[in-house]
Amino acid sequence: MEDKGTEKEMNKNFGSEVKLQDIFELISGMSKKMDKLDIIQENMENIQTELKEVRKSIEYAHSEIDDLKKENEKKAQVQRETPNASTNLKPTT
């Protein structure tokens, strides 16, 4: 009788060891996946920061372009008005 009781205990312990091993492997796998997700999240945050910087740079470039367009329009207007003004001038002699 003792042998059967001992055998049942061994099977019971063996079953729990397998379950503990399975649980350990599951948790280890989840831990690795969580680490990968942390790395991905960090990379995404870095990308978002870089995109914000690029956006600011593009906005600055657009504002500079707008300023240059306005300056060129003013220069063109002055050049259009200048020949008219010079024809109205009397030569000094």
PDB file of N, CA and C in Angstrom:
ATOM      1  N   MET A   1       0.802  -1.175   0.000  1.00  0.00           N
ATOM      2  CA  MET A   1       0.000   0.000   0.000  1.00  0.00           C
ATOM      3  C   MET A   1       0.861   1.261   0.000  1.00  0.00           C
ATOM      4  N   GLU A   2       1.911   1.198   0.716  1.00  0.00           N
ATOM      5  CA  GLU A   2       2.766   2.363   0.800  1.00  0.00           C
ATOM      6  C   GLU A   2       3.323   2.735  -0.550  1.00  0.00           C
ATOM      7  N   ASP A   3       3.637   1.725  -1.365  1.00  0.00           N
ATOM      8  CA  ASP A   3       4.198   2.001  -2.678  1.00  0.00           C
ATOM      9  C   ASP A   3       3.205   2.758  -3.547  1.00  0.00           C
ATOM     10  N   LYS A   4       1.928   2.380  -3.477  1.00  0.00           N
ATOM     11  CA  LYS A   4       0.921   3.059  -4.292  1.00  0.00           C
ATOM     12  C   LYS A   4       0.722   4.494  -3.826  1.00  0.00           C
ATOM     13  N   GLY A   5       0.722   4.708  -2.530  1.00  0.00           N
ATOM     14  CA  GLY A   5       0.571   6.050  -1.979  1.00  0.00           C
ATOM     15  C   GLY A   5       1.748   6.920  -2.373  1.00  0.00           C
ATOM     16  N   THR A   6       2.948   6.360  -2.282  1.00  0.00           N
ATOM     17  CA  THR A   6       4.143   7.098  -2.659  1.00  0.00           C
ATOM     18  C   THR A   6       4.131   7.397  -4.148  1.00  0.00           C
ATOM     19  N   GLU A   7       3.686   6.434  -4.930  1.00  0.00           N
ATOM     20  CA  GLU A   7       3.631   6.613  -6.383  1.00  0.00           C
ATOM     21  C   GLU A   7       2.630   7.709  -6.746  1.00  0.00           C
ATOM     22  N   LYS A   8       1.499   7.743  -6.032  1.00  0.00           N
ATOM     23  CA  LYS A   8       0.511   8.783  -6.298  1.00  0.00           C
ATOM     24  C   LYS A   8       1.067  10.154  -5.950  1.00  0.00           C
ATOM     25  N   GLU A   9       1.789  10.226  -4.827  1.00  0.00           N
ATOM     26  CA  GLU A   9       2.398  11.491  -4.433  1.00  0.00           C
ATOM     27  C   GLU A   9       3.426  11.945  -5.450  1.00  0.00           C
ATOM     28  N   MET A  10       4.220  10.996  -5.968  1.00  0.00           N
ATOM     29  CA  MET A  10       5.233  11.336  -6.972  1.00  0.00           C
ATOM     30  C   MET A  10       4.561  11.855  -8.237  1.00  0.00           C
ATOM     31  N   ASN A  11       3.487  11.199  -8.658  1.00  0.00           N
ATOM     32  CA  ASN A  11       2.771  11.649  -9.843  1.00  0.00           C
ATOM     33  C   ASN A  11       2.160  13.040  -9.611  1.00  0.00           C
ATOM     34  N   LYS A  12       1.646  13.218  -8.395  1.00  0.00           N
ATOM     35  CA  LYS A  12       1.052  14.495  -8.053  1.00  0.00           C
ATOM     36  C   LYS A  12       2.118  15.587  -8.056  1.00  0.00           C
ATOM     37  N   ASN A  13       3.261  15.329  -7.456  1.00  0.00           N
ATOM     38  CA  ASN A  13       4.359  16.282  -7.430  1.00  0.00           C
ATOM     39  C   ASN A  13       4.908  16.525  -8.832  1.00  0.00           C
ATOM     40  N   PHE A  14       5.007  15.467  -9.617  1.00  0.00           N
ATOM     41  CA  PHE A  14       5.505  15.593 -10.984  1.00  0.00           C
ATOM     42  C   PHE A  14       4.555  16.470 -11.799  1.00  0.00           C
ATOM     43  N   GLY A  15       3.272  16.274 -11.617  1.00  0.00           N
ATOM     44  CA  GLY A  15       2.276  17.087 -12.311  1.00  0.00           C
ATOM     45  C   GLY A  15       2.378  18.547 -11.923  1.00  0.00           C
ATOM     46  N   SER A  16       2.598  18.812 -10.640  1.00  0.00           N
ATOM     47  CA  SER A  16       2.712  20.197 -10.197  1.00  0.00           C
ATOM     48  C   SER A  16       4.021  20.809 -10.676  1.00  0.00           C
ATOM     49  N   GLU A  17       5.091  20.004 -10.773  1.00  0.00           N
ATOM     50  CA  GLU A  17       6.355  20.513 -11.294  1.00  0.00           C
ATOM     51  C   GLU A  17       6.212  20.892 -12.760  1.00  0.00           C
ATOM     52  N   VAL A  18       5.509  20.082 -13.502  1.00  0.00           N
ATOM     53  CA  VAL A  18       5.279  20.396 -14.906  1.00  0.00           C
ATOM     54  C   VAL A  18       4.461  21.674 -15.017  1.00  0.00           C
ATOM     55  N   LYS A  19       3.465  21.785 -14.197  1.00  0.00           N
ATOM     56  CA  LYS A  19       2.637  22.980 -14.232  1.00  0.00           C
ATOM     57  C   LYS A  19       3.442  24.207 -13.841  1.00  0.00           C
ATOM     58  N   LEU A  20       4.283  24.078 -12.817  1.00  0.00           N
ATOM     59  CA  LEU A  20       5.127  25.195 -12.415  1.00  0.00           C
ATOM     60  C   LEU A  20       6.110  25.549 -13.527  1.00  0.00           C
ATOM     61  N   GLN A  21       6.666  24.536 -14.179  1.00  0.00           N
ATOM     62  CA  GLN A  21       7.581  24.785 -15.295  1.00  0.00           C
ATOM     63  C   GLN A  21       6.843  25.495 -16.433  1.00  0.00           C
ATOM     64  N   ASP A  22       5.639  25.054 -16.733  1.00  0.00           N
ATOM     65  CA  ASP A  22       4.838  25.695 -17.780  1.00  0.00           C
ATOM     66  C   ASP A  22       4.544  27.151 -17.425  1.00  0.00           C
ATOM     67  N   ILE A  23       4.191  27.361 -16.173  1.00  0.00           N
ATOM     68  CA  ILE A  23       3.892  28.716 -15.711  1.00  0.00           C
ATOM     69  C   ILE A  23       5.143  29.587 -15.800  1.00  0.00           C
ATOM     70  N   PHE A  24       6.271  29.038 -15.393  1.00  0.00           N
ATOM     71  CA  PHE A  24       7.524  29.777 -15.460  1.00  0.00           C
ATOM     72  C   PHE A  24       7.849  30.160 -16.907  1.00  0.00           C
ATOM     73  N   GLU A  25       7.695  29.212 -17.821  1.00  0.00           N
ATOM     74  CA  GLU A  25       7.975  29.477 -19.232  1.00  0.00           C
ATOM     75  C   GLU A  25       7.016  30.532 -19.785  1.00  0.00           C
ATOM     76  N   LEU A  26       5.766  30.435 -19.374  1.00  0.00           N
ATOM     77  CA  LEU A  26       4.773  31.410 -19.817  1.00  0.00           C
ATOM     78  C   LEU A  26       5.132  32.811 -19.328  1.00  0.00           C
ATOM     79  N   ILE A  27       5.473  32.901 -18.059  1.00  0.00           N
ATOM     80  CA  ILE A  27       5.832  34.201 -17.482  1.00  0.00           C
ATOM     81  C   ILE A  27       7.114  34.728 -18.109  1.00  0.00           C
ATOM     82  N   SER A  28       8.081  33.854 -18.347  1.00  0.00           N
ATOM     83  CA  SER A  28       9.324  34.286 -18.989  1.00  0.00           C
ATOM     84  C   SER A  28       9.047  34.821 -20.390  1.00  0.00           C
ATOM     85  N   GLY A  29       8.218  34.115 -21.128  1.00  0.00           N
ATOM     86  CA  GLY A  29       7.857  34.567 -22.476  1.00  0.00           C
ATOM     87  C   GLY A  29       7.134  35.898 -22.445  1.00  0.00           C
ATOM     88  N   MET A  30       6.222  36.051 -21.484  1.00  0.00           N
ATOM     89  CA  MET A  30       5.494  37.319 -21.353  1.00  0.00           C
ATOM     90  C   MET A  30       6.443  38.449 -20.973  1.00  0.00           C
ATOM     91  N   SER A  31       7.402  38.149 -20.129  1.00  0.00           N
ATOM     92  CA  SER A  31       8.370  39.159 -19.715  1.00  0.00           C
ATOM     93  C   SER A  31       9.190  39.638 -20.908  1.00  0.00           C
ATOM     94  N   LYS A  32       9.619  38.714 -21.745  1.00  0.00           N
ATOM     95  CA  LYS A  32      10.383  39.086 -22.942  1.00  0.00           C
ATOM     96  C   LYS A  32       9.534  39.943 -23.875  1.00  0.00           C
ATOM     97  N   LYS A  33       8.272  39.559 -24.027  1.00  0.00           N
ATOM     98  CA  LYS A  33       7.378  40.336 -24.888  1.00  0.00           C
ATOM     99  C   LYS A  33       7.142  41.725 -24.321  1.00  0.00           C
ATOM    100  N   MET A  34       7.014  41.832 -23.015  1.00  0.00           N
ATOM    101  CA  MET A  34       6.833  43.135 -22.380  1.00  0.00           C
ATOM    102  C   MET A  34       8.068  44.008 -22.588  1.00  0.00           C
ATOM    103  N   ASP A  35       9.249  43.405 -22.490  1.00  0.00           N
ATOM    104  CA  ASP A  35      10.482  44.146 -22.739  1.00  0.00           C
ATOM    105  C   ASP A  35      10.509  44.672 -24.169  1.00  0.00           C
ATOM    106  N   LYS A  36      10.089  43.829 -25.118  1.00  0.00           N
ATOM    107  CA  LYS A  36      10.047  44.259 -26.514  1.00  0.00           C
ATOM    108  C   LYS A  36       9.043  45.390 -26.693  1.00  0.00           C
ATOM    109  N   LEU A  37       7.899  45.286 -26.035  1.00  0.00           N
ATOM    110  CA  LEU A  37       6.901  46.350 -26.121  1.00  0.00           C
ATOM    111  C   LEU A  37       7.425  47.656 -25.528  1.00  0.00           C
ATOM    112  N   ASP A  38       8.192  47.566 -24.445  1.00  0.00           N
ATOM    113  CA  ASP A  38       8.790  48.765 -23.855  1.00  0.00           C
ATOM    114  C   ASP A  38       9.743  49.423 -24.844  1.00  0.00           C
ATOM    115  N   ILE A  39      10.538  48.602 -25.517  1.00  0.00           N
ATOM    116  CA  ILE A  39      11.485  49.128 -26.509  1.00  0.00           C
ATOM    117  C   ILE A  39      10.718  49.781 -27.658  1.00  0.00           C
ATOM    118  N   ILE A  40       9.654  49.135 -28.114  1.00  0.00           N
ATOM    119  CA  ILE A  40       8.843  49.691 -29.193  1.00  0.00           C
ATOM    120  C   ILE A  40       8.211  51.010 -28.761  1.00  0.00           C
ATOM    121  N   GLN A  41       7.702  51.055 -27.558  1.00  0.00           N
ATOM    122  CA  GLN A  41       7.085  52.286 -27.059  1.00  0.00           C
ATOM    123  C   GLN A  41       8.118  53.409 -26.987  1.00  0.00           C
ATOM    124  N   GLU A  42       9.297  53.102 -26.500  1.00  0.00           N
ATOM    125  CA  GLU A  42      10.358  54.110 -26.414  1.00  0.00           C
ATOM    126  C   GLU A  42      10.716  54.624 -27.810  1.00  0.00           C
ATOM    127  N   ASN A  43      10.824  53.708 -28.764  1.00  0.00           N
ATOM    128  CA  ASN A  43      11.138  54.116 -30.135  1.00  0.00           C
ATOM    129  C   ASN A  43      10.026  54.980 -30.720  1.00  0.00           C
ATOM    130  N   MET A  44       8.790  54.633 -30.433  1.00  0.00           N
ATOM    131  CA  MET A  44       7.661  55.423 -30.935  1.00  0.00           C
ATOM    132  C   MET A  44       7.687  56.836 -30.341  1.00  0.00           C
ATOM    133  N   GLU A  45       8.017  56.943 -29.068  1.00  0.00           N
ATOM    134  CA  GLU A  45       8.104  58.255 -28.436  1.00  0.00           C
ATOM    135  C   GLU A  45       9.215  59.077 -29.069  1.00  0.00           C
ATOM    136  N   ASN A  46      10.351  58.431 -29.367  1.00  0.00           N
ATOM    137  CA  ASN A  46      11.447  59.132 -30.038  1.00  0.00           C
ATOM    138  C   ASN A  46      11.030  59.601 -31.424  1.00  0.00           C
ATOM    139  N   ILE A  47      10.311  58.762 -32.141  1.00  0.00           N
ATOM    140  CA  ILE A  47       9.840  59.121 -33.478  1.00  0.00           C
ATOM    141  C   ILE A  47       8.862  60.289 -33.390  1.00  0.00           C
ATOM    142  N   GLN A  48       7.974  60.259 -32.410  1.00  0.00           N
ATOM    143  CA  GLN A  48       7.021  61.360 -32.243  1.00  0.00           C
ATOM    144  C   GLN A  48       7.755  62.669 -31.958  1.00  0.00           C
ATOM    145  N   THR A  49       8.776  62.620 -31.126  1.00  0.00           N
ATOM    146  CA  THR A  49       9.558  63.812 -30.818  1.00  0.00           C
ATOM    147  C   THR A  49      10.240  64.337 -32.077  1.00  0.00           C
ATOM    148  N   GLU A  50      10.834  63.433 -32.852  1.00  0.00           N
ATOM    149  CA  GLU A  50      11.502  63.845 -34.081  1.00  0.00           C
ATOM    150  C   GLU A  50      10.512  64.415 -35.087  1.00  0.00           C
ATOM    151  N   LEU A  51       9.319  63.830 -35.173  1.00  0.00           N
ATOM    152  CA  LEU A  51       8.306  64.353 -36.084  1.00  0.00           C
ATOM    153  C   LEU A  51       7.856  65.754 -35.667  1.00  0.00           C
ATOM    154  N   LYS A  52       7.747  65.988 -34.372  1.00  0.00           N
ATOM    155  CA  LYS A  52       7.392  67.321 -33.894  1.00  0.00           C
ATOM    156  C   LYS A  52       8.467  68.332 -34.287  1.00  0.00           C
ATOM    157  N   GLU A  53       9.726  67.939 -34.168  1.00  0.00           N
ATOM    158  CA  GLU A  53      10.822  68.824 -34.550  1.00  0.00           C
ATOM    159  C   GLU A  53      10.799  69.095 -36.051  1.00  0.00           C
ATOM    160  N   VAL A  54      10.523  68.065 -36.850  1.00  0.00           N
ATOM    161  CA  VAL A  54      10.438  68.241 -38.302  1.00  0.00           C
ATOM    162  C   VAL A  54       9.284  69.173 -38.636  1.00  0.00           C
ATOM    163  N   ARG A  55       8.164  68.999 -37.955  1.00  0.00           N
ATOM    164  CA  ARG A  55       7.004  69.861 -38.202  1.00  0.00           C
ATOM    165  C   ARG A  55       7.332  71.309 -37.898  1.00  0.00           C
ATOM    166  N   LYS A  56       8.000  71.553 -36.769  1.00  0.00           N
ATOM    167  CA  LYS A  56       8.396  72.923 -36.423  1.00  0.00           C
ATOM    168  C   LYS A  56       9.321  73.492 -37.489  1.00  0.00           C
ATOM    169  N   SER A  57      10.240  72.677 -37.949  1.00  0.00           N
ATOM    170  CA  SER A  57      11.175  73.114 -38.979  1.00  0.00           C
ATOM    171  C   SER A  57      10.446  73.462 -40.272  1.00  0.00           C
ATOM    172  N   ILE A  58       9.486  72.633 -40.648  1.00  0.00           N
ATOM    173  CA  ILE A  58       8.712  72.891 -41.872  1.00  0.00           C
ATOM    174  C   ILE A  58       7.881  74.157 -41.707  1.00  0.00           C
ATOM    175  N   GLU A  59       7.271  74.331 -40.552  1.00  0.00           N
ATOM    176  CA  GLU A  59       6.482  75.543 -40.306  1.00  0.00           C
ATOM    177  C   GLU A  59       7.366  76.779 -40.382  1.00  0.00           C
ATOM    178  N   TYR A  60       8.570  76.688 -39.839  1.00  0.00           N
ATOM    179  CA  TYR A  60       9.506  77.814 -39.902  1.00  0.00           C
ATOM    180  C   TYR A  60       9.875  78.099 -41.354  1.00  0.00           C
ATOM    181  N   ALA A  61      10.166  77.054 -42.112  1.00  0.00           N
ATOM    182  CA  ALA A  61      10.523  77.228 -43.518  1.00  0.00           C
ATOM    183  C   ALA A  61       9.360  77.854 -44.290  1.00  0.00           C
ATOM    184  N   HIS A  62       8.143  77.426 -44.020  1.00  0.00           N
ATOM    185  CA  HIS A  62       6.982  77.998 -44.701  1.00  0.00           C
ATOM    186  C   HIS A  62       6.820  79.473 -44.359  1.00  0.00           C
ATOM    187  N   SER A  63       7.032  79.822 -43.106  1.00  0.00           N
ATOM    188  CA  SER A  63       6.906  81.232 -42.723  1.00  0.00           C
ATOM    189  C   SER A  63       7.991  82.062 -43.400  1.00  0.00           C
ATOM    190  N   GLU A  64       9.184  81.519 -43.516  1.00  0.00           N
ATOM    191  CA  GLU A  64      10.267  82.216 -44.213  1.00  0.00           C
ATOM    192  C   GLU A  64       9.929  82.387 -45.692  1.00  0.00           C
ATOM    193  N   ILE A  65       9.369  81.363 -46.294  1.00  0.00           N
ATOM    194  CA  ILE A  65       8.974  81.432 -47.701  1.00  0.00           C
ATOM    195  C   ILE A  65       7.906  82.504 -47.891  1.00  0.00           C
ATOM    196  N   ASP A  66       6.928  82.532 -46.984  1.00  0.00           N
ATOM    197  CA  ASP A  66       5.885  83.557 -47.063  1.00  0.00           C
ATOM    198  C   ASP A  66       6.486  84.952 -46.949  1.00  0.00           C
ATOM    199  N   ASP A  67       7.427  85.137 -46.028  1.00  0.00           N
ATOM    200  CA  ASP A  67       8.092  86.431 -45.875  1.00  0.00           C
ATOM    201  C   ASP A  67       8.835  86.812 -47.156  1.00  0.00           C
ATOM    202  N   LEU A  68       9.541  85.861 -47.756  1.00  0.00           N
ATOM    203  CA  LEU A  68      10.272  86.137 -48.992  1.00  0.00           C
ATOM    204  C   LEU A  68       9.320  86.490 -50.135  1.00  0.00           C
ATOM    205  N   LYS A  69       8.186  85.808 -50.212  1.00  0.00           N
ATOM    206  CA  LYS A  69       7.193  86.120 -51.240  1.00  0.00           C
ATOM    207  C   LYS A  69       6.685  87.546 -51.073  1.00  0.00           C
ATOM    208  N   LYS A  70       6.397  87.932 -49.838  1.00  0.00           N
ATOM    209  CA  LYS A  70       5.912  89.291 -49.579  1.00  0.00           C
ATOM    210  C   LYS A  70       6.966  90.319 -49.960  1.00  0.00           C
ATOM    211  N   GLU A  71       8.218  90.043 -49.612  1.00  0.00           N
ATOM    212  CA  GLU A  71       9.299  90.963 -49.975  1.00  0.00           C
ATOM    213  C   GLU A  71       9.434  91.076 -51.491  1.00  0.00           C
ATOM    214  N   ASN A  72       9.350  89.952 -52.184  1.00  0.00           N
ATOM    215  CA  ASN A  72       9.459  89.970 -53.639  1.00  0.00           C
ATOM    216  C   ASN A  72       8.291  90.720 -54.271  1.00  0.00           C
ATOM    217  N   GLU A  73       7.095  90.567 -53.716  1.00  0.00           N
ATOM    218  CA  GLU A  73       5.940  91.300 -54.220  1.00  0.00           C
ATOM    219  C   GLU A  73       6.134  92.803 -54.041  1.00  0.00           C
ATOM    220  N   LYS A  74       6.665  93.190 -52.876  1.00  0.00           N
ATOM    221  CA  LYS A  74       6.917  94.613 -52.627  1.00  0.00           C
ATOM    222  C   LYS A  74       7.971  95.142 -53.600  1.00  0.00           C
ATOM    223  N   LYS A  75       9.028  94.368 -53.817  1.00  0.00           N
ATOM    224  CA  LYS A  75      10.075  94.790 -54.748  1.00  0.00           C
ATOM    225  C   LYS A  75       9.524  94.915 -56.162  1.00  0.00           C
ATOM    226  N   ALA A  76       8.710  93.968 -56.560  1.00  0.00           N
ATOM    227  CA  ALA A  76       8.120  94.021 -57.901  1.00  0.00           C
ATOM    228  C   ALA A  76       7.217  95.240 -58.035  1.00  0.00           C
ATOM    229  N   GLN A  77       6.454  95.553 -56.995  1.00  0.00           N
ATOM    230  CA  GLN A  77       5.585  96.719 -57.026  1.00  0.00           C
ATOM    231  C   GLN A  77       6.406  97.998 -57.117  1.00  0.00           C
ATOM    232  N   VAL A  78       7.474  98.063 -56.349  1.00  0.00           N
ATOM    233  CA  VAL A  78       8.347  99.233 -56.387  1.00  0.00           C
ATOM    234  C   VAL A  78       8.973  99.362 -57.772  1.00  0.00           C
ATOM    235  N   GLN A  79       9.396  98.256 -58.364  1.00  0.00           N
ATOM    236  CA  GLN A  79       9.996  98.307 -59.696  1.00  0.00           C
ATOM    237  C   GLN A  79       8.974  98.740 -60.743  1.00  0.00           C
ATOM    238  N   ARG A  80       7.734  98.319 -60.587  1.00  0.00           N
ATOM    239  CA  ARG A  80       6.695  98.749 -61.531  1.00  0.00           C
ATOM    240  C   ARG A  80       6.428 100.241 -61.391  1.00  0.00           C
ATOM    241  N   GLU A  81       6.470 100.750 -60.168  1.00  0.00           N
ATOM    242  CA  GLU A  81       6.205 102.165 -59.925  1.00  0.00           C
ATOM    243  C   GLU A  81       7.408 103.033 -60.258  1.00  0.00           C
ATOM    244  N   THR A  82       8.582 102.502 -60.136  1.00  0.00           N
ATOM    245  CA  THR A  82       9.798 103.284 -60.355  1.00  0.00           C
ATOM    246  C   THR A  82       9.919 103.774 -61.801  1.00  0.00           C
ATOM    247  N   PRO A  83       9.719 103.001 -62.832  1.00  0.00           N
ATOM    248  CA  PRO A  83       9.829 103.537 -64.185  1.00  0.00           C
ATOM    249  C   PRO A  83       8.818 104.660 -64.431  1.00  0.00           C
ATOM    250  N   ASN A  84       7.621 104.572 -63.891  1.00  0.00           N
ATOM    251  CA  ASN A  84       6.638 105.624 -64.034  1.00  0.00           C
ATOM    252  C   ASN A  84       7.099 106.901 -63.361  1.00  0.00           C
ATOM    253  N   ALA A  85       7.696 106.756 -62.207  1.00  0.00           N
ATOM    254  CA  ALA A  85       8.172 107.915 -61.472  1.00  0.00           C
ATOM    255  C   ALA A  85       9.359 108.541 -62.197  1.00  0.00           C
ATOM    256  N   SER A  86      10.214 107.749 -62.812  1.00  0.00           N
ATOM    257  CA  SER A  86      11.395 108.297 -63.474  1.00  0.00           C
ATOM    258  C   SER A  86      11.018 109.009 -64.753  1.00  0.00           C
ATOM    259  N   THR A  87       9.953 108.645 -65.410  1.00  0.00           N
ATOM    260  CA  THR A  87       9.543 109.334 -66.643  1.00  0.00           C
ATOM    261  C   THR A  87       8.916 110.678 -66.313  1.00  0.00           C
ATOM    262  N   ASN A  88       8.388 110.824 -65.132  1.00  0.00           N
ATOM    263  CA  ASN A  88       7.785 112.101 -64.718  1.00  0.00           C
ATOM    264  C   ASN A  88       8.829 113.095 -64.218  1.00  0.00           C
ATOM    265  N   LEU A  89      10.022 112.610 -63.971  1.00  0.00           N
ATOM    266  CA  LEU A  89      11.081 113.496 -63.468  1.00  0.00           C
ATOM    267  C   LEU A  89      11.607 114.357 -64.615  1.00  0.00           C
ATOM    268  N   LYS A  90      11.914 115.588 -64.285  1.00  0.00           N
ATOM    269  CA  LYS A  90      12.481 116.478 -65.286  1.00  0.00           C
ATOM    270  C   LYS A  90      13.998 116.408 -65.164  1.00  0.00           C
ATOM    271  N   PRO A  91      14.681 116.372 -66.267  1.00  0.00           N
ATOM    272  CA  PRO A  91      16.141 116.366 -66.185  1.00  0.00           C
ATOM    273  C   PRO A  91      16.639 117.697 -65.621  1.00  0.00           C
ATOM    274  N   THR A  92      17.642 117.626 -64.844  1.00  0.00           N
ATOM    275  CA  THR A  92      18.240 118.827 -64.250  1.00  0.00           C
ATOM    276  C   THR A  92      19.394 119.275 -65.105  1.00  0.00           C
ATOM    277  N   THR A  93      19.341 120.477 -65.597  1.00  0.00           N
ATOM    278  CA  THR A  93      20.449 121.028 -66.391  1.00  0.00           C
ATOM    279  C   THR A  93      20.782 122.416 -65.993  1.00  0.00           C
TER     280      THR A  93
END
